[in-house]
Amino acid sequence: TVARILSELAAGLALEPGDLVLTGT
Protein backbone atom coordinates (compact mmCIF):
# COMPACT_ATOMS: atom_id res chain seq x y z
CA THR A 1 0.00 0.00 0.00
CA VAL A 2 0.94 3.65 -0.20
CA ALA A 3 1.31 3.71 3.60
CA ARG A 4 3.59 0.66 3.58
CA ILE A 5 5.75 2.14 0.82
CA LEU A 6 6.18 5.43 2.68
CA SER A 7 6.99 3.65 5.93
CA GLU A 8 9.57 1.40 4.25
CA LEU A 9 11.13 4.33 2.41
CA ALA A 10 11.32 6.46 5.57
CA ALA A 11 13.22 3.80 7.54
CA GLY A 12 16.43 5.69 8.27
CA LEU A 13 15.79 8.06 5.33
CA ALA A 14 13.95 11.30 6.04
CA LEU A 15 11.04 12.09 3.76
CA GLU A 16 11.12 15.76 2.82
CA PRO A 17 8.32 18.13 1.76
CA GLY A 18 7.86 17.91 -2.00
CA ASP A 19 9.29 14.40 -2.36
CA LEU A 20 7.65 12.37 -5.11
CA VAL A 21 6.96 8.71 -4.41
CA LEU A 22 5.82 6.63 -7.39
CA THR A 23 3.94 3.51 -6.33
CA GLY A 24 4.33 1.07 -9.22
CA THR A 25 2.43 0.19 -12.38
PDB file of all heavy atoms in Angstrom:
ATOM      1  N   THR A   1       0.825  -1.199   0.000  1.00  0.00           N
ATOM      2  CA  THR A   1       0.000   0.000   0.000  1.00  0.00           C
ATOM      3  C   THR A   1       0.865   1.257   0.000  1.00  0.00           C
ATOM      4  O   THR A   1       2.073   1.207   0.291  1.00  0.00           O
ATOM      5  CB  THR A   1      -0.914   0.030   1.224  1.00  0.00           C
ATOM      6  OG1 THR A   1      -0.088   0.127   2.404  1.00  0.00           O
ATOM      7  CG2 THR A   1      -1.795  -1.206   1.295  1.00  0.00           C
ATOM      8  N   VAL A   2       0.230   2.385  -0.263  1.00  0.00           N
ATOM      9  CA  VAL A   2       0.943   3.655  -0.203  1.00  0.00           C
ATOM     10  C   VAL A   2       1.560   3.839   1.179  1.00  0.00           C
ATOM     11  O   VAL A   2       2.729   4.225   1.318  1.00  0.00           O
ATOM     12  CB  VAL A   2       0.003   4.821  -0.538  1.00  0.00           C
ATOM     13  CG1 VAL A   2       0.712   6.157  -0.307  1.00  0.00           C
ATOM     14  CG2 VAL A   2      -0.491   4.723  -1.973  1.00  0.00           C
ATOM     15  N   ALA A   3       0.806   3.547   2.226  1.00  0.00           N
ATOM     16  CA  ALA A   3       1.307   3.713   3.595  1.00  0.00           C
ATOM     17  C   ALA A   3       2.514   2.813   3.862  1.00  0.00           C
ATOM     18  O   ALA A   3       3.498   3.230   4.480  1.00  0.00           O
ATOM     19  CB  ALA A   3       0.201   3.422   4.603  1.00  0.00           C
ATOM     20  N   ARG A   4       2.460   1.571   3.377  1.00  0.00           N
ATOM     21  CA  ARG A   4       3.587   0.656   3.576  1.00  0.00           C
ATOM     22  C   ARG A   4       4.820   1.161   2.826  1.00  0.00           C
ATOM     23  O   ARG A   4       5.949   1.112   3.349  1.00  0.00           O
ATOM     24  CB  ARG A   4       3.200  -0.744   3.103  1.00  0.00           C
ATOM     25  CG  ARG A   4       4.340  -1.757   3.051  1.00  0.00           C
ATOM     26  CD  ARG A   4       4.790  -2.263   4.401  1.00  0.00           C
ATOM     27  NE  ARG A   4       5.955  -3.145   4.297  1.00  0.00           N
ATOM     28  CZ  ARG A   4       5.911  -4.435   3.921  1.00  0.00           C
ATOM     29  NH1 ARG A   4       4.734  -5.017   3.635  1.00  0.00           N
ATOM     30  NH2 ARG A   4       7.012  -5.158   3.859  1.00  0.00           N
ATOM     31  N   ILE A   5       4.637   1.632   1.605  1.00  0.00           N
ATOM     32  CA  ILE A   5       5.754   2.145   0.821  1.00  0.00           C
ATOM     33  C   ILE A   5       6.419   3.316   1.532  1.00  0.00           C
ATOM     34  O   ILE A   5       7.646   3.369   1.668  1.00  0.00           O
ATOM     35  CB  ILE A   5       5.273   2.574  -0.581  1.00  0.00           C
ATOM     36  CG1 ILE A   5       4.874   1.341  -1.406  1.00  0.00           C
ATOM     37  CG2 ILE A   5       6.350   3.373  -1.312  1.00  0.00           C
ATOM     38  CD1 ILE A   5       4.117   1.684  -2.673  1.00  0.00           C
ATOM     39  N   LEU A   6       5.614   4.262   2.008  1.00  0.00           N
ATOM     40  CA  LEU A   6       6.176   5.431   2.680  1.00  0.00           C
ATOM     41  C   LEU A   6       6.917   5.033   3.954  1.00  0.00           C
ATOM     42  O   LEU A   6       7.992   5.562   4.261  1.00  0.00           O
ATOM     43  CB  LEU A   6       5.071   6.435   2.995  1.00  0.00           C
ATOM     44  CG  LEU A   6       4.418   7.105   1.783  1.00  0.00           C
ATOM     45  CD1 LEU A   6       3.252   7.966   2.222  1.00  0.00           C
ATOM     46  CD2 LEU A   6       5.426   7.938   1.007  1.00  0.00           C
ATOM     47  N   SER A   7       6.351   4.093   4.696  1.00  0.00           N
ATOM     48  CA  SER A   7       6.989   3.648   5.928  1.00  0.00           C
ATOM     49  C   SER A   7       8.314   2.954   5.635  1.00  0.00           C
ATOM     50  O   SER A   7       9.327   3.201   6.304  1.00  0.00           O
ATOM     51  CB  SER A   7       6.054   2.708   6.690  1.00  0.00           C
ATOM     52  OG  SER A   7       6.653   2.247   7.873  1.00  0.00           O
ATOM     53  N   GLU A   8       8.346   2.097   4.628  1.00  0.00           N
ATOM     54  CA  GLU A   8       9.573   1.404   4.254  1.00  0.00           C
ATOM     55  C   GLU A   8      10.635   2.393   3.762  1.00  0.00           C
ATOM     56  O   GLU A   8      11.814   2.285   4.111  1.00  0.00           O
ATOM     57  CB  GLU A   8       9.290   0.366   3.168  1.00  0.00           C
ATOM     58  CG  GLU A   8       8.466  -0.821   3.621  1.00  0.00           C
ATOM     59  CD  GLU A   8       9.321  -1.934   4.202  1.00  0.00           C
ATOM     60  OE1 GLU A   8      10.558  -1.776   4.259  1.00  0.00           O
ATOM     61  OE2 GLU A   8       8.749  -2.969   4.591  1.00  0.00           O
ATOM     62  N   LEU A   9      10.203   3.355   2.959  1.00  0.00           N
ATOM     63  CA  LEU A   9      11.132   4.335   2.413  1.00  0.00           C
ATOM     64  C   LEU A   9      11.727   5.203   3.517  1.00  0.00           C
ATOM     65  O   LEU A   9      12.916   5.549   3.494  1.00  0.00           O
ATOM     66  CB  LEU A   9      10.418   5.208   1.384  1.00  0.00           C
ATOM     67  CG  LEU A   9      11.255   6.245   0.641  1.00  0.00           C
ATOM     68  CD1 LEU A   9      12.373   5.582  -0.144  1.00  0.00           C
ATOM     69  CD2 LEU A   9      10.361   7.060  -0.290  1.00  0.00           C
ATOM     70  N   ALA A  10      10.903   5.542   4.501  1.00  0.00           N
ATOM     71  CA  ALA A  10      11.324   6.456   5.565  1.00  0.00           C
ATOM     72  C   ALA A  10      12.155   5.784   6.654  1.00  0.00           C
ATOM     73  O   ALA A  10      12.586   6.459   7.589  1.00  0.00           O
ATOM     74  CB  ALA A  10      10.092   7.107   6.200  1.00  0.00           C
ATOM     75  N   ALA A  11      12.390   4.486   6.542  1.00  0.00           N
ATOM     76  CA  ALA A  11      13.218   3.804   7.535  1.00  0.00           C
ATOM     77  C   ALA A  11      14.662   4.281   7.400  1.00  0.00           C
ATOM     78  O   ALA A  11      15.381   3.886   6.471  1.00  0.00           O
ATOM     79  CB  ALA A  11      13.133   2.293   7.349  1.00  0.00           C
ATOM     80  N   GLY A  12      15.078   5.161   8.294  1.00  0.00           N
ATOM     81  CA  GLY A  12      16.434   5.692   8.266  1.00  0.00           C
ATOM     82  C   GLY A  12      16.679   6.740   7.199  1.00  0.00           C
ATOM     83  O   GLY A  12      17.789   7.249   7.070  1.00  0.00           O
ATOM     84  N   LEU A  13      15.665   7.081   6.406  1.00  0.00           N
ATOM     85  CA  LEU A  13      15.788   8.057   5.327  1.00  0.00           C
ATOM     86  C   LEU A  13      14.660   9.061   5.491  1.00  0.00           C
ATOM     87  O   LEU A  13      13.479   8.698   5.371  1.00  0.00           O
ATOM     88  CB  LEU A  13      15.705   7.357   3.968  1.00  0.00           C
ATOM     89  CG  LEU A  13      15.929   8.168   2.688  1.00  0.00           C
ATOM     90  CD1 LEU A  13      16.238   7.208   1.532  1.00  0.00           C
ATOM     91  CD2 LEU A  13      14.718   9.016   2.305  1.00  0.00           C
ATOM     92  N   ALA A  14      14.994  10.303   5.776  1.00  0.00           N
ATOM     93  CA  ALA A  14      13.946  11.296   6.038  1.00  0.00           C
ATOM     94  C   ALA A  14      13.198  11.656   4.766  1.00  0.00           C
ATOM     95  O   ALA A  14      13.798  12.019   3.756  1.00  0.00           O
ATOM     96  CB  ALA A  14      14.551  12.550   6.654  1.00  0.00           C
ATOM     97  N   LEU A  15      11.881  11.538   4.810  1.00  0.00           N
ATOM     98  CA  LEU A  15      11.039  12.088   3.761  1.00  0.00           C
ATOM     99  C   LEU A  15      11.026  13.599   3.911  1.00  0.00           C
ATOM    100  O   LEU A  15      10.935  14.127   5.024  1.00  0.00           O
ATOM    101  CB  LEU A  15       9.614  11.546   3.889  1.00  0.00           C
ATOM    102  CG  LEU A  15       9.427  10.031   3.815  1.00  0.00           C
ATOM    103  CD1 LEU A  15       7.976   9.667   4.069  1.00  0.00           C
ATOM    104  CD2 LEU A  15       9.893   9.497   2.473  1.00  0.00           C
ATOM    105  N   GLU A  16      11.094  14.308   2.789  1.00  0.00           N
ATOM    106  CA  GLU A  16      11.124  15.761   2.822  1.00  0.00           C
ATOM    107  C   GLU A  16       9.923  16.330   2.075  1.00  0.00           C
ATOM    108  O   GLU A  16       9.437  15.719   1.118  1.00  0.00           O
ATOM    109  CB  GLU A  16      12.415  16.283   2.176  1.00  0.00           C
ATOM    110  CG  GLU A  16      13.698  15.820   2.840  1.00  0.00           C
ATOM    111  CD  GLU A  16      13.955  16.499   4.171  1.00  0.00           C
ATOM    112  OE1 GLU A  16      13.214  17.445   4.514  1.00  0.00           O
ATOM    113  OE2 GLU A  16      14.912  16.082   4.870  1.00  0.00           O
ATOM    114  N   PRO A  17       9.431  17.511   2.480  1.00  0.00           N
ATOM    115  CA  PRO A  17       8.316  18.131   1.757  1.00  0.00           C
ATOM    116  C   PRO A  17       8.631  18.266   0.271  1.00  0.00           C
ATOM    117  O   PRO A  17       9.716  18.706  -0.112  1.00  0.00           O
ATOM    118  CB  PRO A  17       8.191  19.501   2.430  1.00  0.00           C
ATOM    119  CG  PRO A  17       8.711  19.291   3.806  1.00  0.00           C
ATOM    120  CD  PRO A  17       9.842  18.311   3.659  1.00  0.00           C
ATOM    121  N   GLY A  18       7.674  17.857  -0.549  1.00  0.00           N
ATOM    122  CA  GLY A  18       7.858  17.909  -1.999  1.00  0.00           C
ATOM    123  C   GLY A  18       8.412  16.652  -2.612  1.00  0.00           C
ATOM    124  O   GLY A  18       8.465  16.537  -3.849  1.00  0.00           O
ATOM    125  N   ASP A  19       8.824  15.677  -1.802  1.00  0.00           N
ATOM    126  CA  ASP A  19       9.288  14.404  -2.358  1.00  0.00           C
ATOM    127  C   ASP A  19       8.178  13.742  -3.168  1.00  0.00           C
ATOM    128  O   ASP A  19       6.999  13.771  -2.785  1.00  0.00           O
ATOM    129  CB  ASP A  19       9.725  13.449  -1.246  1.00  0.00           C
ATOM    130  CG  ASP A  19      11.131  13.718  -0.745  1.00  0.00           C
ATOM    131  OD1 ASP A  19      11.864  14.491  -1.390  1.00  0.00           O
ATOM    132  OD2 ASP A  19      11.503  13.143   0.301  1.00  0.00           O
ATOM    133  N   LEU A  20       8.567  13.118  -4.258  1.00  0.00           N
ATOM    134  CA  LEU A  20       7.648  12.373  -5.114  1.00  0.00           C
ATOM    135  C   LEU A  20       7.899  10.885  -4.908  1.00  0.00           C
ATOM    136  O   LEU A  20       9.032  10.434  -5.031  1.00  0.00           O
ATOM    137  CB  LEU A  20       7.875  12.728  -6.581  1.00  0.00           C
ATOM    138  CG  LEU A  20       7.783  14.216  -6.952  1.00  0.00           C
ATOM    139  CD1 LEU A  20       8.207  14.423  -8.394  1.00  0.00           C
ATOM    140  CD2 LEU A  20       6.370  14.741  -6.724  1.00  0.00           C
ATOM    141  N   VAL A  21       6.834  10.148  -4.628  1.00  0.00           N
ATOM    142  CA  VAL A  21       6.959   8.712  -4.407  1.00  0.00           C
ATOM    143  C   VAL A  21       6.022   7.996  -5.369  1.00  0.00           C
ATOM    144  O   VAL A  21       4.798   8.011  -5.203  1.00  0.00           O
ATOM    145  CB  VAL A  21       6.633   8.332  -2.951  1.00  0.00           C
ATOM    146  CG1 VAL A  21       6.857   6.829  -2.743  1.00  0.00           C
ATOM    147  CG2 VAL A  21       7.498   9.136  -1.974  1.00  0.00           C
ATOM    148  N   LEU A  22       6.602   7.383  -6.419  1.00  0.00           N
ATOM    149  CA  LEU A  22       5.825   6.626  -7.392  1.00  0.00           C
ATOM    150  C   LEU A  22       5.567   5.229  -6.838  1.00  0.00           C
ATOM    151  O   LEU A  22       6.467   4.625  -6.246  1.00  0.00           O
ATOM    152  CB  LEU A  22       6.571   6.532  -8.719  1.00  0.00           C
ATOM    153  CG  LEU A  22       6.546   7.763  -9.632  1.00  0.00           C
ATOM    154  CD1 LEU A  22       7.288   8.944  -9.026  1.00  0.00           C
ATOM    155  CD2 LEU A  22       7.124   7.427 -11.002  1.00  0.00           C
ATOM    156  N   THR A  23       4.367   4.706  -7.043  1.00  0.00           N
ATOM    157  CA  THR A  23       3.944   3.507  -6.327  1.00  0.00           C
ATOM    158  C   THR A  23       3.805   2.259  -7.186  1.00  0.00           C
ATOM    159  O   THR A  23       3.230   1.267  -6.747  1.00  0.00           O
ATOM    160  CB  THR A  23       2.612   3.788  -5.612  1.00  0.00           C
ATOM    161  OG1 THR A  23       1.615   4.158  -6.578  1.00  0.00           O
ATOM    162  CG2 THR A  23       2.756   4.900  -4.584  1.00  0.00           C
ATOM    163  N   GLY A  24       4.365   2.268  -8.390  1.00  0.00           N
ATOM    164  CA  GLY A  24       4.326   1.066  -9.218  1.00  0.00           C
ATOM    165  C   GLY A  24       3.241   1.102 -10.275  1.00  0.00           C
ATOM    166  O   GLY A  24       2.309   1.912 -10.212  1.00  0.00           O
ATOM    167  N   THR A  25       3.357   0.207 -11.250  1.00  0.00           N
ATOM    168  CA  THR A  25       2.434   0.186 -12.381  1.00  0.00           C
ATOM    169  C   THR A  25       1.716  -1.154 -12.490  1.00  0.00           C
ATOM    170  O   THR A  25       2.291  -2.207 -12.165  1.00  0.00           O
ATOM    171  CB  THR A  25       3.186   0.490 -13.697  1.00  0.00           C
ATOM    172  OG1 THR A  25       2.254   0.901 -14.704  1.00  0.00           O
ATOM    173  CG2 THR A  25       3.962  -0.720 -14.215  1.00  0.00           C
TER     174      THR A  25
END
